[in-house]
PDB file of N, CA and C in Angstrom:
ATOM      1  N   MET A   1       8.607  25.551  25.055  1.00  0.00           N
ATOM      2  CA  MET A   1       9.728  25.297  25.758  1.00  0.00           C
ATOM      3  C   MET A   1      10.104  23.475  25.267  1.00  0.00           C
ATOM      4  N   LEU A   2      11.100  22.774  25.100  1.00  0.00           N
ATOM      5  CA  LEU A   2      11.097  21.679  24.927  1.00  0.00           C
ATOM      6  C   LEU A   2      11.469  20.916  26.182  1.00  0.00           C
ATOM      7  N   GLU A   3      10.847  19.665  26.339  1.00  0.00           N
ATOM      8  CA  GLU A   3      10.864  18.905  27.356  1.00  0.00           C
ATOM      9  C   GLU A   3      12.264  18.367  27.588  1.00  0.00           C
ATOM     10  N   LYS A   4      12.962  18.108  28.700  1.00  0.00           N
ATOM     11  CA  LYS A   4      14.486  17.665  28.712  1.00  0.00           C
ATOM     12  C   LYS A   4      14.222  16.270  28.970  1.00  0.00           C
ATOM     13  N   GLN A   5      13.216  15.737  29.420  1.00  0.00           N
ATOM     14  CA  GLN A   5      13.161  14.279  29.989  1.00  0.00           C
ATOM     15  C   GLN A   5      11.853  13.757  28.996  1.00  0.00           C
ATOM     16  N   PRO A   6      12.075  12.637  28.294  1.00  0.00           N
ATOM     17  CA  PRO A   6      10.844  11.974  27.587  1.00  0.00           C
ATOM     18  C   PRO A   6       9.784  11.760  28.353  1.00  0.00           C
ATOM     19  N   ARG A   7       8.678  11.343  27.886  1.00  0.00           N
ATOM     20  CA  ARG A   7       7.500  11.427  28.603  1.00  0.00           C
ATOM     21  C   ARG A   7       7.612   9.694  29.054  1.00  0.00           C
ATOM     22  N   LYS A   8       6.958   9.379  30.117  1.00  0.00           N
ATOM     23  CA  LYS A   8       6.978   8.181  30.644  1.00  0.00           C
ATOM     24  C   LYS A   8       5.909   7.284  29.587  1.00  0.00           C
ATOM     25  N   ASN A   9       4.990   7.965  28.953  1.00  0.00           N
ATOM     26  CA  ASN A   9       4.005   7.159  28.042  1.00  0.00           C
ATOM     27  C   ASN A   9       4.464   7.261  26.553  1.00  0.00           C
ATOM     28  N   VAL A  10       5.591   7.669  26.389  1.00  0.00           N
ATOM     29  CA  VAL A  10       6.309   7.170  25.009  1.00  0.00           C
ATOM     30  C   VAL A  10       7.141   5.833  24.967  1.00  0.00           C
ATOM     31  N   LYS A  11       6.736   4.673  24.397  1.00  0.00           N
ATOM     32  CA  LYS A  11       7.236   3.649  24.173  1.00  0.00           C
ATOM     33  C   LYS A  11       8.149   3.572  22.962  1.00  0.00           C
ATOM     34  N   HIS A  12       9.311   2.800  23.147  1.00  0.00           N
ATOM     35  CA  HIS A  12      10.079   2.392  22.005  1.00  0.00           C
ATOM     36  C   HIS A  12      10.182   1.044  21.702  1.00  0.00           C
ATOM     37  N   ILE A  13       9.847   0.806  20.579  1.00  0.00           N
ATOM     38  CA  ILE A  13       9.711  -0.854  20.014  1.00  0.00           C
ATOM     39  C   ILE A  13      10.919  -0.838  18.957  1.00  0.00           C
ATOM     40  N   TRP A  14      11.893  -1.701  19.319  1.00  0.00           N
ATOM     41  CA  TRP A  14      12.819  -2.236  18.255  1.00  0.00           C
ATOM     42  C   TRP A  14      12.484  -3.055  17.379  1.00  0.00           C
ATOM     43  N   PHE A  15      12.571  -3.220  16.035  1.00  0.00           N
ATOM     44  CA  PHE A  15      12.360  -4.351  15.513  1.00  0.00           C
ATOM     45  C   PHE A  15      13.429  -4.410  14.142  1.00  0.00           C
ATOM     46  N   ASP A  16      13.958  -5.418  13.942  1.00  0.00           N
ATOM     47  CA  ASP A  16      15.030  -5.524  13.050  1.00  0.00           C
ATOM     48  C   ASP A  16      14.319  -5.932  11.674  1.00  0.00           C
ATOM     49  N   PHE A  17      13.872  -4.868  11.053  1.00  0.00           N
ATOM     50  CA  PHE A  17      13.080  -5.113   9.759  1.00  0.00           C
ATOM     51  C   PHE A  17      13.865  -5.924   8.751  1.00  0.00           C
ATOM     52  N   HIS A  18      15.139  -5.410   8.459  1.00  0.00           N
ATOM     53  CA  HIS A  18      15.927  -6.139   7.492  1.00  0.00           C
ATOM     54  C   HIS A  18      16.159  -7.744   7.938  1.00  0.00           C
ATOM     55  N   GLY A  19      16.659  -7.619   8.943  1.00  0.00           N
ATOM     56  CA  GLY A  19      16.709  -9.071   9.569  1.00  0.00           C
ATOM     57  C   GLY A  19      15.461  -9.923   9.470  1.00  0.00           C
ATOM     58  N   GLU A  20      14.534  -9.291  10.012  1.00  0.00           N
ATOM     59  CA  GLU A  20      13.137 -10.229  10.152  1.00  0.00           C
ATOM     60  C   GLU A  20      12.944 -10.677   8.677  1.00  0.00           C
ATOM     61  N   THR A  21      12.924  -9.619   7.513  1.00  0.00           N
ATOM     62  CA  THR A  21      12.166  -9.739   6.324  1.00  0.00           C
ATOM     63  C   THR A  21      13.190 -10.024   5.125  1.00  0.00           C
ATOM     64  N   HIS A  22      14.277 -10.664   5.755  1.00  0.00           N
ATOM     65  CA  HIS A  22      15.451 -11.047   4.924  1.00  0.00           C
ATOM     66  C   HIS A  22      14.997 -12.153   3.660  1.00  0.00           C
ATOM     67  N   GLY A  23      15.206 -11.973   2.637  1.00  0.00           N
ATOM     68  CA  GLY A  23      14.719 -13.200   1.839  1.00  0.00           C
ATOM     69  C   GLY A  23      13.244 -12.684   1.298  1.00  0.00           C
ATOM     70  N   ASP A  24      12.981 -11.856   1.177  1.00  0.00           N
ATOM     71  CA  ASP A  24      11.463 -11.376   0.622  1.00  0.00           C
ATOM     72  C   ASP A  24      10.353 -11.958   1.867  1.00  0.00           C
ATOM     73  N   ASN A  25      10.832 -12.068   2.939  1.00  0.00           N
ATOM     74  CA  ASN A  25       9.920 -12.627   3.997  1.00  0.00           C
ATOM     75  C   ASN A  25       9.011 -11.550   4.638  1.00  0.00           C
ATOM     76  N   PHE A  26       8.315 -10.716   3.925  1.00  0.00           N
ATOM     77  CA  PHE A  26       7.759  -9.577   4.236  1.00  0.00           C
ATOM     78  C   PHE A  26       6.603  -9.848   5.192  1.00  0.00           C
ATOM     79  N   GLN A  27       5.977 -11.179   5.113  1.00  0.00           N
ATOM     80  CA  GLN A  27       4.759 -11.532   6.043  1.00  0.00           C
ATOM     81  C   GLN A  27       5.360 -11.276   7.304  1.00  0.00           C
ATOM     82  N   LYS A  28       6.770 -11.251   7.608  1.00  0.00           N
ATOM     83  CA  LYS A  28       7.214 -11.323   9.252  1.00  0.00           C
ATOM     84  C   LYS A  28       7.042 -10.139   9.740  1.00  0.00           C
ATOM     85  N   ILE A  29       6.459  -8.823   8.921  1.00  0.00           N
ATOM     86  CA  ILE A  29       6.380  -7.539   9.391  1.00  0.00           C
ATOM     87  C   ILE A  29       4.997  -7.694  10.301  1.00  0.00           C
ATOM     88  N   ASN A  30       4.454  -9.001  10.157  1.00  0.00           N
ATOM     89  CA  ASN A  30       2.978  -8.979  11.052  1.00  0.00           C
ATOM     90  C   ASN A  30       3.516  -9.362  12.466  1.00  0.00           C
ATOM     91  N   ILE A  31       4.833  -9.871  12.745  1.00  0.00           N
ATOM     92  CA  ILE A  31       5.253  -9.829  14.137  1.00  0.00           C
ATOM     93  C   ILE A  31       5.218  -8.497  14.763  1.00  0.00           C
ATOM     94  N   LEU A  32       5.548  -7.844  13.992  1.00  0.00           N
ATOM     95  CA  LEU A  32       5.540  -6.168  14.658  1.00  0.00           C
ATOM     96  C   LEU A  32       4.117  -5.811  14.823  1.00  0.00           C
ATOM     97  N   MET A  33       3.221  -5.928  13.670  1.00  0.00           N
ATOM     98  CA  MET A  33       2.025  -5.388  13.845  1.00  0.00           C
ATOM     99  C   MET A  33       1.126  -6.124  14.927  1.00  0.00           C
ATOM    100  N   ASN A  34       1.351  -7.273  15.147  1.00  0.00           N
ATOM    101  CA  ASN A  34       0.857  -8.038  16.022  1.00  0.00           C
ATOM    102  C   ASN A  34       1.308  -7.651  17.672  1.00  0.00           C
ATOM    103  N   HIS A  35       2.424  -7.222  18.056  1.00  0.00           N
ATOM    104  CA  HIS A  35       2.992  -6.564  18.771  1.00  0.00           C
ATOM    105  C   HIS A  35       2.434  -5.190  19.394  1.00  0.00           C
ATOM    106  N   ILE A  36       2.114  -4.544  18.071  1.00  0.00           N
ATOM    107  CA  ILE A  36       1.702  -2.961  18.490  1.00  0.00           C
ATOM    108  C   ILE A  36       0.161  -2.753  18.482  1.00  0.00           C
ATOM    109  N   GLN A  37      -0.513  -3.985  17.911  1.00  0.00           N
ATOM    110  CA  GLN A  37      -2.018  -4.009  17.938  1.00  0.00           C
ATOM    111  C   GLN A  37      -2.670  -3.374  19.317  1.00  0.00           C
ATOM    112  N   PRO A  38      -2.332  -3.854  20.350  1.00  0.00           N
ATOM    113  CA  PRO A  38      -3.070  -2.904  21.617  1.00  0.00           C
ATOM    114  C   PRO A  38      -2.685  -1.655  21.726  1.00  0.00           C
ATOM    115  N   VAL A  39      -1.537  -1.234  21.596  1.00  0.00           N
ATOM    116  CA  VAL A  39      -1.239   0.135  21.294  1.00  0.00           C
ATOM    117  C   VAL A  39      -2.059   0.714  20.525  1.00  0.00           C
ATOM    118  N   GLN A  40      -2.177   0.547  19.294  1.00  0.00           N
ATOM    119  CA  GLN A  40      -2.942   1.031  18.051  1.00  0.00           C
ATOM    120  C   GLN A  40      -4.400   1.054  18.508  1.00  0.00           C
ATOM    121  N   GLN A  41      -5.106   0.269  19.022  1.00  0.00           N
ATOM    122  CA  GLN A  41      -6.359   0.244  19.395  1.00  0.00           C
ATOM    123  C   GLN A  41      -6.278   1.204  20.572  1.00  0.00           C
ATOM    124  N   LYS A  42      -5.537   1.268  21.546  1.00  0.00           N
ATOM    125  CA  LYS A  42      -5.690   2.300  22.465  1.00  0.00           C
ATOM    126  C   LYS A  42      -5.715   3.762  22.039  1.00  0.00           C
ATOM    127  N   PHE A  43      -4.861   4.007  20.914  1.00  0.00           N
ATOM    128  CA  PHE A  43      -4.576   5.390  20.329  1.00  0.00           C
ATOM    129  C   PHE A  43      -5.884   5.699  19.788  1.00  0.00           C
ATOM    130  N   SER A  44      -6.634   4.707  18.932  1.00  0.00           N
ATOM    131  CA  SER A  44      -8.026   5.078  18.273  1.00  0.00           C
ATOM    132  C   SER A  44      -7.875   6.047  17.382  1.00  0.00           C
ATOM    133  N   PHE A  45      -8.921   6.745  16.922  1.00  0.00           N
ATOM    134  CA  PHE A  45      -8.782   7.575  16.082  1.00  0.00           C
ATOM    135  C   PHE A  45      -9.937   8.671  16.114  1.00  0.00           C
ATOM    136  N   PHE A  46      -9.894   9.935  15.618  1.00  0.00           N
ATOM    137  CA  PHE A  46     -10.612  11.064  15.620  1.00  0.00           C
ATOM    138  C   PHE A  46     -12.116  10.852  15.031  1.00  0.00           C
ATOM    139  N   VAL A  47     -13.012  11.171  15.832  1.00  0.00           N
ATOM    140  CA  VAL A  47     -14.411  11.203  15.119  1.00  0.00           C
ATOM    141  C   VAL A  47     -15.264  12.584  15.402  1.00  0.00           C
ATOM    142  N   LYS A  48     -15.881  12.961  14.460  1.00  0.00           N
ATOM    143  CA  LYS A  48     -16.715  14.125  14.593  1.00  0.00           C
ATOM    144  C   LYS A  48     -17.856  14.010  13.679  1.00  0.00           C
ATOM    145  N   GLU A  49     -18.926  14.365  14.509  1.00  0.00           N
ATOM    146  CA  GLU A  49     -20.311  14.288  13.581  1.00  0.00           C
ATOM    147  C   GLU A  49     -20.313  15.063  12.591  1.00  0.00           C
ATOM    148  N   ARG A  50     -20.601  14.757  11.383  1.00  0.00           N
ATOM    149  CA  ARG A  50     -20.742  15.429  10.176  1.00  0.00           C
ATOM    150  C   ARG A  50     -21.867  16.429   9.682  1.00  0.00           C
ATOM    151  N   PHE A  51     -22.924  16.032  10.639  1.00  0.00           N
ATOM    152  CA  PHE A  51     -24.122  17.164  10.549  1.00  0.00           C
ATOM    153  C   PHE A  51     -24.601  17.513  11.899  1.00  0.00           C
ATOM    154  N   GLY A  52     -25.452  18.283  12.115  1.00  0.00           N
ATOM    155  CA  GLY A  52     -26.012  18.541  13.418  1.00  0.00           C
ATOM    156  C   GLY A  52     -25.281  19.344  14.116  1.00  0.00           C
ATOM    157  N   GLN A  53     -25.037  18.954  15.553  1.00  0.00           N
ATOM    158  CA  GLN A  53     -24.176  19.784  16.188  1.00  0.00           C
ATOM    159  C   GLN A  53     -22.766  19.582  16.016  1.00  0.00           C
ATOM    160  N   GLN A  54     -22.131  18.639  15.065  1.00  0.00           N
ATOM    161  CA  GLN A  54     -20.879  18.116  14.914  1.00  0.00           C
ATOM    162  C   GLN A  54     -19.984  18.319  16.262  1.00  0.00           C
ATOM    163  N   ARG A  55     -20.564  17.436  17.005  1.00  0.00           N
ATOM    164  CA  ARG A  55     -19.722  16.761  18.235  1.00  0.00           C
ATOM    165  C   ARG A  55     -18.669  16.126  18.021  1.00  0.00           C
ATOM    166  N   VAL A  56     -17.689  16.252  18.973  1.00  0.00           N
ATOM    167  CA  VAL A  56     -16.413  15.471  18.915  1.00  0.00           C
ATOM    168  C   VAL A  56     -16.915  14.233  19.601  1.00  0.00           C
ATOM    169  N   LEU A  57     -16.959  13.045  18.787  1.00  0.00           N
ATOM    170  CA  LEU A  57     -17.591  11.629  19.404  1.00  0.00           C
ATOM    171  C   LEU A  57     -16.384  10.770  20.128  1.00  0.00           C
ATOM    172  N   GLN A  58     -15.049  11.014  19.608  1.00  0.00           N
ATOM    173  CA  GLN A  58     -13.950  10.169  19.621  1.00  0.00           C
ATOM    174  C   GLN A  58     -12.701  10.833  19.632  1.00  0.00           C
ATOM    175  N   LEU A  59     -11.780  11.007  20.387  1.00  0.00           N
ATOM    176  CA  LEU A  59     -10.504  11.638  20.410  1.00  0.00           C
ATOM    177  C   LEU A  59      -9.147  10.619  19.804  1.00  0.00           C
ATOM    178  N   GLN A  60      -8.642  10.950  19.108  1.00  0.00           N
ATOM    179  CA  GLN A  60      -7.165  10.396  18.943  1.00  0.00           C
ATOM    180  C   GLN A  60      -6.339  10.146  20.188  1.00  0.00           C
ATOM    181  N   GLY A  61      -5.680   9.241  20.794  1.00  0.00           N
ATOM    182  CA  GLY A  61      -4.827   9.312  21.908  1.00  0.00           C
ATOM    183  C   GLY A  61      -3.536   9.124  21.586  1.00  0.00           C
ATOM    184  N   GLY A  62      -3.132   9.240  20.276  1.00  0.00           N
ATOM    185  CA  GLY A  62      -1.585   9.129  20.149  1.00  0.00           C
ATOM    186  C   GLY A  62      -1.345   8.952  18.661  1.00  0.00           C
ATOM    187  N   VAL A  63       0.160   8.895  18.520  1.00  0.00           N
ATOM    188  CA  VAL A  63       0.615   8.626  17.093  1.00  0.00           C
ATOM    189  C   VAL A  63       1.901   7.703  17.265  1.00  0.00           C
ATOM    190  N   PHE A  64       2.240   7.067  15.737  1.00  0.00           N
ATOM    191  CA  PHE A  64       3.217   6.085  15.516  1.00  0.00           C
ATOM    192  C   PHE A  64       4.045   7.000  14.987  1.00  0.00           C
ATOM    193  N   ARG A  65       5.565   6.897  15.437  1.00  0.00           N
ATOM    194  CA  ARG A  65       6.553   7.350  14.587  1.00  0.00           C
ATOM    195  C   ARG A  65       7.565   6.232  14.440  1.00  0.00           C
ATOM    196  N   THR A  66       8.077   6.235  13.146  1.00  0.00           N
ATOM    197  CA  THR A  66       8.790   5.178  12.591  1.00  0.00           C
ATOM    198  C   THR A  66      10.156   5.620  12.070  1.00  0.00           C
ATOM    199  N   ASN A  67      11.254   4.801  12.190  1.00  0.00           N
ATOM    200  CA  ASN A  67      12.376   5.379  11.587  1.00  0.00           C
ATOM    201  C   ASN A  67      13.378   4.173  11.236  1.00  0.00           C
ATOM    202  N   CYS A  68      13.806   4.122  10.351  1.00  0.00           N
ATOM    203  CA  CYS A  68      15.010   3.198  10.018  1.00  0.00           C
ATOM    204  C   CYS A  68      16.222   3.886   9.853  1.00  0.00           C
ATOM    205  N   ILE A  69      17.266   3.524  10.567  1.00  0.00           N
ATOM    206  CA  ILE A  69      18.444   4.006  10.289  1.00  0.00           C
ATOM    207  C   ILE A  69      19.008   4.085   8.789  1.00  0.00           C
ATOM    208  N   ASP A  70      18.644   2.980   8.010  1.00  0.00           N
ATOM    209  CA  ASP A  70      19.542   3.409   6.502  1.00  0.00           C
ATOM    210  C   ASP A  70      18.606   2.965   5.737  1.00  0.00           C
ATOM    211  N   CYS A  71      17.308   3.118   5.428  1.00  0.00           N
ATOM    212  CA  CYS A  71      16.355   2.464   4.583  1.00  0.00           C
ATOM    213  C   CYS A  71      15.037   3.437   4.700  1.00  0.00           C
ATOM    214  N   LEU A  72      14.600   4.209   3.986  1.00  0.00           N
ATOM    215  CA  LEU A  72      13.287   4.983   3.916  1.00  0.00           C
ATOM    216  C   LEU A  72      12.371   4.066   3.653  1.00  0.00           C
ATOM    217  N   ASP A  73      12.588   3.088   2.478  1.00  0.00           N
ATOM    218  CA  ASP A  73      11.458   2.130   2.169  1.00  0.00           C
ATOM    219  C   ASP A  73      11.139   1.344   3.370  1.00  0.00           C
ATOM    220  N   ARG A  74      11.906   0.935   4.109  1.00  0.00           N
ATOM    221  CA  ARG A  74      11.581   0.226   5.357  1.00  0.00           C
ATOM    222  C   ARG A  74      10.285   0.973   6.120  1.00  0.00           C
ATOM    223  N   THR A  75      10.867   2.167   6.372  1.00  0.00           N
ATOM    224  CA  THR A  75      10.065   3.041   7.298  1.00  0.00           C
ATOM    225  C   THR A  75       8.431   3.025   6.723  1.00  0.00           C
ATOM    226  N   ASN A  76       8.680   3.372   5.298  1.00  0.00           N
ATOM    227  CA  ASN A  76       7.301   3.447   4.548  1.00  0.00           C
ATOM    228  C   ASN A  76       6.336   2.042   4.604  1.00  0.00           C
ATOM    229  N   VAL A  77       7.111   1.241   4.372  1.00  0.00           N
ATOM    230  CA  VAL A  77       6.382  -0.281   4.417  1.00  0.00           C
ATOM    231  C   VAL A  77       5.605  -0.058   5.917  1.00  0.00           C
ATOM    232  N   THR A  78       6.253   0.200   6.838  1.00  0.00           N
ATOM    233  CA  THR A  78       5.929   0.083   8.050  1.00  0.00           C
ATOM    234  C   THR A  78       4.845   0.876   8.467  1.00  0.00           C
ATOM    235  N   GLN A  79       5.030   2.214   7.910  1.00  0.00           N
ATOM    236  CA  GLN A  79       4.020   3.260   8.018  1.00  0.00           C
ATOM    237  C   GLN A  79       2.596   2.851   7.219  1.00  0.00           C
ATOM    238  N   ALA A  80       2.617   2.112   6.372  1.00  0.00           N
ATOM    239  CA  ALA A  80       1.736   1.978   5.459  1.00  0.00           C
ATOM    240  C   ALA A  80       1.016   0.807   5.964  1.00  0.00           C
ATOM    241  N   LYS A  81       1.513  -0.309   6.612  1.00  0.00           N
ATOM    242  CA  LYS A  81       0.894  -1.512   7.606  1.00  0.00           C
ATOM    243  C   LYS A  81       0.150  -0.722   8.516  1.00  0.00           C
ATOM    244  N   ILE A  82       0.636   0.158   9.370  1.00  0.00           N
ATOM    245  CA  ILE A  82      -0.005   0.939  10.542  1.00  0.00           C
ATOM    246  C   ILE A  82      -1.362   1.352  10.007  1.00  0.00           C
ATOM    247  N   SER A  83      -1.118   2.535   8.718  1.00  0.00           N
ATOM    248  CA  SER A  83      -2.218   2.892   8.220  1.00  0.00           C
ATOM    249  C   SER A  83      -3.197   2.235   7.703  1.00  0.00           C
ATOM    250  N   PHE A  84      -2.817   0.925   7.048  1.00  0.00           N
ATOM    251  CA  PHE A  84      -4.040   0.046   6.436  1.00  0.00           C
ATOM    252  C   PHE A  84      -4.856  -0.434   7.728  1.00  0.00           C
ATOM    253  N   ARG A  85      -3.968  -0.780   8.713  1.00  0.00           N
ATOM    254  CA  ARG A  85      -4.715  -1.417   9.978  1.00  0.00           C
ATOM    255  C   ARG A  85      -5.741  -0.095  10.405  1.00  0.00           C
ATOM    256  N   ALA A  86      -5.274   1.082  10.559  1.00  0.00           N
ATOM    257  CA  ALA A  86      -6.105   1.977  11.084  1.00  0.00           C
ATOM    258  C   ALA A  86      -7.224   2.316  10.441  1.00  0.00           C
ATOM    259  N   ILE A  87      -7.225   2.184   8.840  1.00  0.00           N
ATOM    260  CA  ILE A  87      -8.116   2.509   8.062  1.00  0.00           C
ATOM    261  C   ILE A  87      -9.413   1.259   8.074  1.00  0.00           C
ATOM    262  N   GLU A  88      -8.765   0.037   8.550  1.00  0.00           N
ATOM    263  CA  GLU A  88      -9.687  -1.147   8.728  1.00  0.00           C
ATOM    264  C   GLU A  88     -10.746  -0.757  10.137  1.00  0.00           C
ATOM    265  N   ASP A  89     -10.201  -0.321  10.924  1.00  0.00           N
ATOM    266  CA  ASP A  89     -10.617   0.249  12.254  1.00  0.00           C
ATOM    267  C   ASP A  89     -11.546   1.191  12.069  1.00  0.00           C
ATOM    268  N   ILE A  90     -11.411   2.145  11.170  1.00  0.00           N
ATOM    269  CA  ILE A  90     -12.328   3.286  10.915  1.00  0.00           C
ATOM    270  C   ILE A  90     -13.483   2.788   9.802  1.00  0.00           C
ATOM    271  N   LEU A  91     -13.437   1.880   9.030  1.00  0.00           N
ATOM    272  CA  LEU A  91     -14.206   1.486   8.376  1.00  0.00           C
ATOM    273  C   LEU A  91     -15.141   0.389   9.168  1.00  0.00           C
ATOM    274  N   ASN A  92     -14.725  -0.240  10.226  1.00  0.00           N
ATOM    275  CA  ASN A  92     -15.454  -1.031  10.959  1.00  0.00           C
ATOM    276  C   ASN A  92     -16.243  -0.296  12.038  1.00  0.00           C
ATOM    277  N   TYR A  93     -15.751   0.867  12.320  1.00  0.00           N
ATOM    278  CA  TYR A  93     -16.575   1.823  13.058  1.00  0.00           C
ATOM    279  C   TYR A  93     -17.684   2.449  12.364  1.00  0.00           C
ATOM    280  N   ILE A  94     -17.545   2.557  11.054  1.00  0.00           N
ATOM    281  CA  ILE A  94     -18.385   3.232  10.293  1.00  0.00           C
ATOM    282  C   ILE A  94     -19.634   2.431  10.045  1.00  0.00           C
ATOM    283  N   ARG A  95     -19.107   1.013   9.702  1.00  0.00           N
ATOM    284  CA  ARG A  95     -19.745  -0.174   9.409  1.00  0.00           C
ATOM    285  C   ARG A  95     -20.979  -0.404  10.564  1.00  0.00           C
ATOM    286  N   ASP A  96     -20.230  -0.520  12.024  1.00  0.00           N
ATOM    287  CA  ASP A  96     -21.320  -0.616  13.121  1.00  0.00           C
ATOM    288  C   ASP A  96     -22.152   0.563  13.506  1.00  0.00           C
TER     289      ASP A  96
END
């Protein structure tokens, strides 16, 4: 059954990608990335032991959904930036 009301823990962040990055200023997407960093850290990522008991060590607590009204490329760029940061977090976790 679908929920009628949105959950209170679902956040909406509006970012004018086209307006902010106009003139090939793609570094300005870091404005958005800095804004969502605390949320991304809170979401974390899934970790399971590879050997032994294969216990779950850490659960992922959320997901990001991106949408652009008129351009799939903007959506993909944003998702790529979010993914790169997640990979950095995972590699730091492995290293430590």
